């Protein structure tokens, strides 16, 4: 039988790595998620602008802001 106190003190709780490299990868992943969410929003906005033949890039602006909001939601959720 294993000692639960020793398991709680182990650096790999729940299969997660600890240390600076794990932190870097975690935050790099969050940055990537944020960038992809914004890019998808802008891409969708561009397609909306083309489809509706708008003179001003309203779809791009709205899509970018929606992508930013979705990306920030993912980052905040990952930080909790």
PDB file of N, CA and C in Angstrom:
ATOM      1  N   UNK A   1       0.847  -1.185   0.000  1.00  0.00           N
ATOM      2  CA  UNK A   1       0.000   0.000   0.000  1.00  0.00           C
ATOM      3  C   UNK A   1       0.887   1.240   0.000  1.00  0.00           C
ATOM      4  N   UNK A   2       0.526   2.249  -0.777  1.00  0.00           N
ATOM      5  CA  UNK A   2       1.340   3.454  -0.864  1.00  0.00           C
ATOM      6  C   UNK A   2       0.889   4.482   0.159  1.00  0.00           C
ATOM      7  N   UNK A   3       1.813   5.320   0.531  1.00  0.00           N
ATOM      8  CA  UNK A   3       1.539   6.362   1.498  1.00  0.00           C
ATOM      9  C   UNK A   3       0.908   7.559   0.776  1.00  0.00           C
ATOM     10  N   UNK A   4      -0.355   7.941   1.100  1.00  0.00           N
ATOM     11  CA  UNK A   4      -0.999   9.048   0.396  1.00  0.00           C
ATOM     12  C   UNK A   4      -0.277  10.375   0.581  1.00  0.00           C
ATOM     13  N   UNK A   5       0.442  10.524   1.695  1.00  0.00           N
ATOM     14  CA  UNK A   5       1.167  11.780   1.935  1.00  0.00           C
ATOM     15  C   UNK A   5       2.306  11.940   0.927  1.00  0.00           C
ATOM     16  N   UNK A   6       2.989  10.847   0.617  1.00  0.00           N
ATOM     17  CA  UNK A   6       4.073  10.901  -0.359  1.00  0.00           C
ATOM     18  C   UNK A   6       3.534  11.182  -1.761  1.00  0.00           C
ATOM     19  N   UNK A   7       2.378  10.609  -2.077  1.00  0.00           N
ATOM     20  CA  UNK A   7       1.788  10.848  -3.394  1.00  0.00           C
ATOM     21  C   UNK A   7       1.380  12.306  -3.557  1.00  0.00           C
ATOM     22  N   UNK A   8       0.900  12.931  -2.488  1.00  0.00           N
ATOM     23  CA  UNK A   8       0.482  14.333  -2.569  1.00  0.00           C
ATOM     24  C   UNK A   8       1.679  15.249  -2.765  1.00  0.00           C
ATOM     25  N   UNK A   9       2.857  14.826  -2.295  1.00  0.00           N
ATOM     26  CA  UNK A   9       4.054  15.649  -2.425  1.00  0.00           C
ATOM     27  C   UNK A   9       4.796  15.402  -3.728  1.00  0.00           C
ATOM     28  N   UNK A  10       4.378  14.434  -4.513  1.00  0.00           N
ATOM     29  CA  UNK A  10       5.105  14.111  -5.734  1.00  0.00           C
ATOM     30  C   UNK A  10       4.942  15.232  -6.758  1.00  0.00           C
ATOM     31  N   UNK A  11       5.971  15.482  -7.589  1.00  0.00           N
ATOM     32  CA  UNK A  11       5.907  16.579  -8.551  1.00  0.00           C
ATOM     33  C   UNK A  11       4.959  16.320  -9.707  1.00  0.00           C
ATOM     34  N   UNK A  12       4.593  15.080  -9.937  1.00  0.00           N
ATOM     35  CA  UNK A  12       3.717  14.772 -11.063  1.00  0.00           C
ATOM     36  C   UNK A  12       2.350  14.350 -10.556  1.00  0.00           C
ATOM     37  N   UNK A  13       1.589  15.286 -10.069  1.00  0.00           N
ATOM     38  CA  UNK A  13       0.249  15.004  -9.583  1.00  0.00           C
ATOM     39  C   UNK A  13      -0.701  14.930 -10.757  1.00  0.00           C
ATOM     40  N   UNK A  14      -1.447  13.886 -10.852  1.00  0.00           N
ATOM     41  CA  UNK A  14      -2.445  13.761 -11.897  1.00  0.00           C
ATOM     42  C   UNK A  14      -1.843  13.670 -13.289  1.00  0.00           C
ATOM     43  N   UNK A  15      -0.592  13.244 -13.416  1.00  0.00           N
ATOM     44  CA  UNK A  15       0.037  13.101 -14.712  1.00  0.00           C
ATOM     45  C   UNK A  15       0.539  14.399 -15.311  1.00  0.00           C
ATOM     46  N   UNK A  16       0.478  15.493 -14.572  1.00  0.00           N
ATOM     47  CA  UNK A  16       0.948  16.778 -15.083  1.00  0.00           C
ATOM     48  C   UNK A  16       2.401  16.979 -14.696  1.00  0.00           C
ATOM     49  N   UNK A  17       3.157  17.555 -15.621  1.00  0.00           N
ATOM     50  CA  UNK A  17       4.557  17.863 -15.339  1.00  0.00           C
ATOM     51  C   UNK A  17       4.624  19.193 -14.608  1.00  0.00           C
ATOM     52  N   UNK A  18       5.672  19.360 -13.837  1.00  0.00           N
ATOM     53  CA  UNK A  18       5.871  20.631 -13.164  1.00  0.00           C
ATOM     54  C   UNK A  18       7.212  21.198 -13.597  1.00  0.00           C
ATOM     55  N   UNK A  19       7.415  22.459 -13.301  1.00  0.00           N
ATOM     56  CA  UNK A  19       8.665  23.093 -13.640  1.00  0.00           C
ATOM     57  C   UNK A  19       8.482  24.170 -14.692  1.00  0.00           C
ATOM     58  N   UNK A  20       9.569  24.831 -15.023  1.00  0.00           N
ATOM     59  CA  UNK A  20       9.471  25.959 -15.959  1.00  0.00           C
ATOM     60  C   UNK A  20       9.075  25.546 -17.373  1.00  0.00           C
ATOM     61  N   UNK A  21       9.513  24.380 -17.837  1.00  0.00           N
ATOM     62  CA  UNK A  21       9.171  23.983 -19.200  1.00  0.00           C
ATOM     63  C   UNK A  21       7.679  23.702 -19.328  1.00  0.00           C
ATOM     64  N   UNK A  22       7.062  23.159 -18.292  1.00  0.00           N
ATOM     65  CA  UNK A  22       5.623  22.914 -18.328  1.00  0.00           C
ATOM     66  C   UNK A  22       4.855  24.228 -18.344  1.00  0.00           C
ATOM     67  N   UNK A  23       5.336  25.231 -17.604  1.00  0.00           N
ATOM     68  CA  UNK A  23       4.685  26.538 -17.592  1.00  0.00           C
ATOM     69  C   UNK A  23       4.792  27.213 -18.949  1.00  0.00           C
ATOM     70  N   UNK A  24       5.969  27.116 -19.551  1.00  0.00           N
ATOM     71  CA  UNK A  24       6.162  27.726 -20.867  1.00  0.00           C
ATOM     72  C   UNK A  24       5.228  27.093 -21.886  1.00  0.00           C
ATOM     73  N   UNK A  25       5.140  25.790 -21.876  1.00  0.00           N
ATOM     74  CA  UNK A  25       4.265  25.095 -22.822  1.00  0.00           C
ATOM     75  C   UNK A  25       2.796  25.426 -22.574  1.00  0.00           C
ATOM     76  N   UNK A  26       2.436  25.544 -21.309  1.00  0.00           N
ATOM     77  CA  UNK A  26       1.042  25.868 -20.979  1.00  0.00           C
ATOM     78  C   UNK A  26       0.663  27.248 -21.511  1.00  0.00           C
ATOM     79  N   UNK A  27       1.520  28.233 -21.267  1.00  0.00           N
ATOM     80  CA  UNK A  27       1.215  29.591 -21.719  1.00  0.00           C
ATOM     81  C   UNK A  27       1.357  29.724 -23.228  1.00  0.00           C
ATOM     82  N   UNK A  28       2.266  28.991 -23.824  1.00  0.00           N
ATOM     83  CA  UNK A  28       2.378  29.000 -25.287  1.00  0.00           C
ATOM     84  C   UNK A  28       1.116  28.416 -25.908  1.00  0.00           C
ATOM     85  N   UNK A  29       0.581  27.393 -25.296  1.00  0.00           N
ATOM     86  CA  UNK A  29      -0.666  26.816 -25.780  1.00  0.00           C
ATOM     87  C   UNK A  29      -1.830  27.790 -25.671  1.00  0.00           C
ATOM     88  N   UNK A  30      -1.859  28.544 -24.575  1.00  0.00           N
ATOM     89  CA  UNK A  30      -2.915  29.548 -24.416  1.00  0.00           C
ATOM     90  C   UNK A  30      -2.783  30.650 -25.456  1.00  0.00           C
ATOM     91  N   UNK A  31      -1.548  31.071 -25.721  1.00  0.00           N
ATOM     92  CA  UNK A  31      -1.327  32.093 -26.741  1.00  0.00           C
ATOM     93  C   UNK A  31      -1.731  31.605 -28.120  1.00  0.00           C
ATOM     94  N   UNK A  32      -1.440  30.349 -28.390  1.00  0.00           N
ATOM     95  CA  UNK A  32      -1.831  29.762 -29.670  1.00  0.00           C
ATOM     96  C   UNK A  32      -3.350  29.709 -29.794  1.00  0.00           C
ATOM     97  N   UNK A  33      -4.024  29.305 -28.735  1.00  0.00           N
ATOM     98  CA  UNK A  33      -5.492  29.268 -28.755  1.00  0.00           C
ATOM     99  C   UNK A  33      -6.071  30.650 -29.010  1.00  0.00           C
ATOM    100  N   UNK A  34      -5.510  31.649 -28.355  1.00  0.00           N
ATOM    101  CA  UNK A  34      -5.984  33.016 -28.532  1.00  0.00           C
ATOM    102  C   UNK A  34      -5.779  33.469 -29.976  1.00  0.00           C
ATOM    103  N   UNK A  35      -4.603  33.205 -30.522  1.00  0.00           N
ATOM    104  CA  UNK A  35      -4.312  33.597 -31.894  1.00  0.00           C
ATOM    105  C   UNK A  35      -5.198  32.903 -32.906  1.00  0.00           C
ATOM    106  N   UNK A  36      -5.435  31.619 -32.712  1.00  0.00           N
ATOM    107  CA  UNK A  36      -6.291  30.858 -33.633  1.00  0.00           C
ATOM    108  C   UNK A  36      -7.734  31.346 -33.549  1.00  0.00           C
ATOM    109  N   UNK A  37      -8.203  31.633 -32.352  1.00  0.00           N
ATOM    110  CA  UNK A  37      -9.581  32.117 -32.197  1.00  0.00           C
ATOM    111  C   UNK A  37      -9.761  33.456 -32.907  1.00  0.00           C
ATOM    112  N   UNK A  38      -8.807  34.357 -32.756  1.00  0.00           N
ATOM    113  CA  UNK A  38      -8.894  35.656 -33.430  1.00  0.00           C
ATOM    114  C   UNK A  38      -8.817  35.473 -34.941  1.00  0.00           C
ATOM    115  N   UNK A  39      -7.895  34.631 -35.399  1.00  0.00           N
ATOM    116  CA  UNK A  39      -7.740  34.401 -36.840  1.00  0.00           C
ATOM    117  C   UNK A  39      -9.011  33.806 -37.446  1.00  0.00           C
ATOM    118  N   UNK A  40      -9.624  32.868 -36.751  1.00  0.00           N
ATOM    119  CA  UNK A  40     -10.874  32.283 -37.258  1.00  0.00           C
ATOM    120  C   UNK A  40     -11.989  33.317 -37.304  1.00  0.00           C
ATOM    121  N   UNK A  41     -12.044  34.181 -36.297  1.00  0.00           N
ATOM    122  CA  UNK A  41     -13.051  35.240 -36.289  1.00  0.00           C
ATOM    123  C   UNK A  41     -12.859  36.212 -37.436  1.00  0.00           C
ATOM    124  N   UNK A  42     -11.615  36.589 -37.680  1.00  0.00           N
ATOM    125  CA  UNK A  42     -11.326  37.514 -38.788  1.00  0.00           C
ATOM    126  C   UNK A  42     -11.622  36.848 -40.129  1.00  0.00           C
ATOM    127  N   UNK A  43     -11.231  35.587 -40.269  1.00  0.00           N
ATOM    128  CA  UNK A  43     -11.496  34.865 -41.511  1.00  0.00           C
ATOM    129  C   UNK A  43     -12.998  34.755 -41.773  1.00  0.00           C
ATOM    130  N   UNK A  44     -13.747  34.415 -40.734  1.00  0.00           N
ATOM    131  CA  UNK A  44     -15.206  34.352 -40.885  1.00  0.00           C
ATOM    132  C   UNK A  44     -15.792  35.715 -41.220  1.00  0.00           C
ATOM    133  N   UNK A  45     -15.254  36.766 -40.620  1.00  0.00           N
ATOM    134  CA  UNK A  45     -15.712  38.120 -40.920  1.00  0.00           C
ATOM    135  C   UNK A  45     -15.413  38.529 -42.347  1.00  0.00           C
ATOM    136  N   UNK A  46     -14.232  38.152 -42.852  1.00  0.00           N
ATOM    137  CA  UNK A  46     -13.891  38.437 -44.246  1.00  0.00           C
ATOM    138  C   UNK A  46     -14.853  37.747 -45.204  1.00  0.00           C
ATOM    139  N   UNK A  47     -15.152  36.498 -44.913  1.00  0.00           N
ATOM    140  CA  UNK A  47     -16.094  35.762 -45.765  1.00  0.00           C
ATOM    141  C   UNK A  47     -17.485  36.386 -45.698  1.00  0.00           C
ATOM    142  N   UNK A  48     -17.886  36.858 -44.524  1.00  0.00           N
ATOM    143  CA  UNK A  48     -19.180  37.523 -44.381  1.00  0.00           C
ATOM    144  C   UNK A  48     -19.198  38.827 -45.177  1.00  0.00           C
ATOM    145  N   UNK A  49     -18.109  39.570 -45.120  1.00  0.00           N
ATOM    146  CA  UNK A  49     -18.013  40.809 -45.908  1.00  0.00           C
ATOM    147  C   UNK A  49     -18.120  40.522 -47.408  1.00  0.00           C
ATOM    148  N   UNK A  50     -17.443  39.475 -47.868  1.00  0.00           N
ATOM    149  CA  UNK A  50     -17.507  39.115 -49.287  1.00  0.00           C
ATOM    150  C   UNK A  50     -18.913  38.682 -49.692  1.00  0.00           C
ATOM    151  N   UNK A  51     -19.528  37.879 -48.845  1.00  0.00           N
ATOM    152  CA  UNK A  51     -20.852  37.336 -49.170  1.00  0.00           C
ATOM    153  C   UNK A  51     -21.916  38.431 -49.212  1.00  0.00           C
ATOM    154  N   UNK A  52     -21.848  39.381 -48.276  1.00  0.00           N
ATOM    155  CA  UNK A  52     -22.859  40.435 -48.210  1.00  0.00           C
ATOM    156  C   UNK A  52     -22.461  41.677 -49.001  1.00  0.00           C
ATOM    157  N   UNK A  53     -21.254  41.672 -49.569  1.00  0.00           N
ATOM    158  CA  UNK A  53     -20.739  42.766 -50.396  1.00  0.00           C
ATOM    159  C   UNK A  53     -20.800  44.110 -49.665  1.00  0.00           C
ATOM    160  N   UNK A  54     -20.355  44.102 -48.423  1.00  0.00           N
ATOM    161  CA  UNK A  54     -20.308  45.342 -47.656  1.00  0.00           C
ATOM    162  C   UNK A  54     -19.100  46.164 -48.095  1.00  0.00           C
ATOM    163  N   UNK A  55     -19.267  47.477 -48.156  1.00  0.00           N
ATOM    164  CA  UNK A  55     -18.169  48.367 -48.523  1.00  0.00           C
ATOM    165  C   UNK A  55     -17.179  48.542 -47.386  1.00  0.00           C
ATOM    166  N   UNK A  56     -17.676  48.562 -46.169  1.00  0.00           N
ATOM    167  CA  UNK A  56     -16.814  48.693 -44.992  1.00  0.00           C
ATOM    168  C   UNK A  56     -16.615  47.316 -44.370  1.00  0.00           C
ATOM    169  N   UNK A  57     -15.475  47.070 -43.787  1.00  0.00           N
ATOM    170  CA  UNK A  57     -15.191  45.736 -43.222  1.00  0.00           C
ATOM    171  C   UNK A  57     -15.847  45.503 -41.861  1.00  0.00           C
ATOM    172  N   UNK A  58     -17.158  45.636 -41.809  1.00  0.00           N
ATOM    173  CA  UNK A  58     -17.857  45.438 -40.533  1.00  0.00           C
ATOM    174  C   UNK A  58     -17.791  43.986 -40.075  1.00  0.00           C
ATOM    175  N   UNK A  59     -17.931  43.067 -41.010  1.00  0.00           N
ATOM    176  CA  UNK A  59     -17.869  41.646 -40.653  1.00  0.00           C
ATOM    177  C   UNK A  59     -16.505  41.273 -40.102  1.00  0.00           C
ATOM    178  N   UNK A  60     -15.462  41.830 -40.690  1.00  0.00           N
ATOM    179  CA  UNK A  60     -14.107  41.555 -40.216  1.00  0.00           C
ATOM    180  C   UNK A  60     -13.921  42.088 -38.800  1.00  0.00           C
ATOM    181  N   UNK A  61     -14.396  43.284 -38.555  1.00  0.00           N
ATOM    182  CA  UNK A  61     -14.267  43.878 -37.214  1.00  0.00           C
ATOM    183  C   UNK A  61     -15.074  43.080 -36.190  1.00  0.00           C
ATOM    184  N   UNK A  62     -16.302  42.754 -36.544  1.00  0.00           N
ATOM    185  CA  UNK A  62     -17.153  42.000 -35.617  1.00  0.00           C
ATOM    186  C   UNK A  62     -16.583  40.603 -35.390  1.00  0.00           C
ATOM    187  N   UNK A  63     -16.144  39.958 -36.467  1.00  0.00           N
ATOM    188  CA  UNK A  63     -15.554  38.619 -36.336  1.00  0.00           C
ATOM    189  C   UNK A  63     -14.291  38.634 -35.497  1.00  0.00           C
ATOM    190  N   UNK A  64     -13.453  39.650 -35.709  1.00  0.00           N
ATOM    191  CA  UNK A  64     -12.236  39.765 -34.908  1.00  0.00           C
ATOM    192  C   UNK A  64     -12.533  39.960 -33.435  1.00  0.00           C
ATOM    193  N   UNK A  65     -13.523  40.788 -33.140  1.00  0.00           N
ATOM    194  CA  UNK A  65     -13.888  41.014 -31.730  1.00  0.00           C
ATOM    195  C   UNK A  65     -14.517  39.767 -31.109  1.00  0.00           C
ATOM    196  N   UNK A  66     -15.325  39.068 -31.883  1.00  0.00           N
ATOM    197  CA  UNK A  66     -15.902  37.816 -31.370  1.00  0.00           C
ATOM    198  C   UNK A  66     -14.807  36.768 -31.144  1.00  0.00           C
ATOM    199  N   UNK A  67     -13.847  36.713 -32.074  1.00  0.00           N
ATOM    200  CA  UNK A  67     -12.721  35.802 -31.898  1.00  0.00           C
ATOM    201  C   UNK A  67     -11.887  36.163 -30.682  1.00  0.00           C
ATOM    202  N   UNK A  68     -11.678  37.452 -30.475  1.00  0.00           N
ATOM    203  CA  UNK A  68     -10.940  37.904 -29.293  1.00  0.00           C
ATOM    204  C   UNK A  68     -11.681  37.516 -28.018  1.00  0.00           C
ATOM    205  N   UNK A  69     -12.977  37.731 -28.001  1.00  0.00           N
ATOM    206  CA  UNK A  69     -13.769  37.349 -26.824  1.00  0.00           C
ATOM    207  C   UNK A  69     -13.720  35.853 -26.566  1.00  0.00           C
ATOM    208  N   UNK A  70     -13.840  35.054 -27.626  1.00  0.00           N
ATOM    209  CA  UNK A  70     -13.778  33.602 -27.464  1.00  0.00           C
ATOM    210  C   UNK A  70     -12.391  33.167 -26.992  1.00  0.00           C
ATOM    211  N   UNK A  71     -11.349  33.776 -27.554  1.00  0.00           N
ATOM    212  CA  UNK A  71      -9.990  33.434 -27.144  1.00  0.00           C
ATOM    213  C   UNK A  71      -9.713  33.799 -25.706  1.00  0.00           C
ATOM    214  N   UNK A  72     -10.158  34.970 -25.287  1.00  0.00           N
ATOM    215  CA  UNK A  72      -9.969  35.372 -23.888  1.00  0.00           C
ATOM    216  C   UNK A  72     -10.739  34.466 -22.941  1.00  0.00           C
ATOM    217  N   UNK A  73     -11.916  34.037 -23.372  1.00  0.00           N
ATOM    218  CA  UNK A  73     -12.689  33.087 -22.560  1.00  0.00           C
ATOM    219  C   UNK A  73     -11.893  31.794 -22.360  1.00  0.00           C
ATOM    220  N   UNK A  74     -11.279  31.298 -23.440  1.00  0.00           N
ATOM    221  CA  UNK A  74     -10.489  30.075 -23.326  1.00  0.00           C
ATOM    222  C   UNK A  74      -9.283  30.260 -22.407  1.00  0.00           C
ATOM    223  N   UNK A  75      -8.634  31.409 -22.490  1.00  0.00           N
ATOM    224  CA  UNK A  75      -7.466  31.680 -21.647  1.00  0.00           C
ATOM    225  C   UNK A  75      -7.878  31.772 -20.181  1.00  0.00           C
ATOM    226  N   UNK A  76      -8.940  32.501 -19.898  1.00  0.00           N
ATOM    227  CA  UNK A  76      -9.398  32.637 -18.504  1.00  0.00           C
ATOM    228  C   UNK A  76      -9.830  31.285 -17.954  1.00  0.00           C
ATOM    229  N   UNK A  77     -10.517  30.502 -18.764  1.00  0.00           N
ATOM    230  CA  UNK A  77     -10.951  29.174 -18.317  1.00  0.00           C
ATOM    231  C   UNK A  77      -9.755  28.273 -18.039  1.00  0.00           C
ATOM    232  N   UNK A  78      -8.692  28.397 -18.845  1.00  0.00           N
ATOM    233  CA  UNK A  78      -7.498  27.572 -18.627  1.00  0.00           C
ATOM    234  C   UNK A  78      -6.724  28.006 -17.386  1.00  0.00           C
ATOM    235  N   UNK A  79      -6.813  29.259 -17.009  1.00  0.00           N
ATOM    236  CA  UNK A  79      -6.101  29.751 -15.838  1.00  0.00           C
ATOM    237  C   UNK A  79      -6.758  29.355 -14.527  1.00  0.00           C
ATOM    238  N   UNK A  80      -8.018  29.005 -14.556  1.00  0.00           N
ATOM    239  CA  UNK A  80      -8.714  28.626 -13.313  1.00  0.00           C
ATOM    240  C   UNK A  80      -8.332  27.249 -12.872  1.00  0.00           C
TER     241      UNK A  80
END
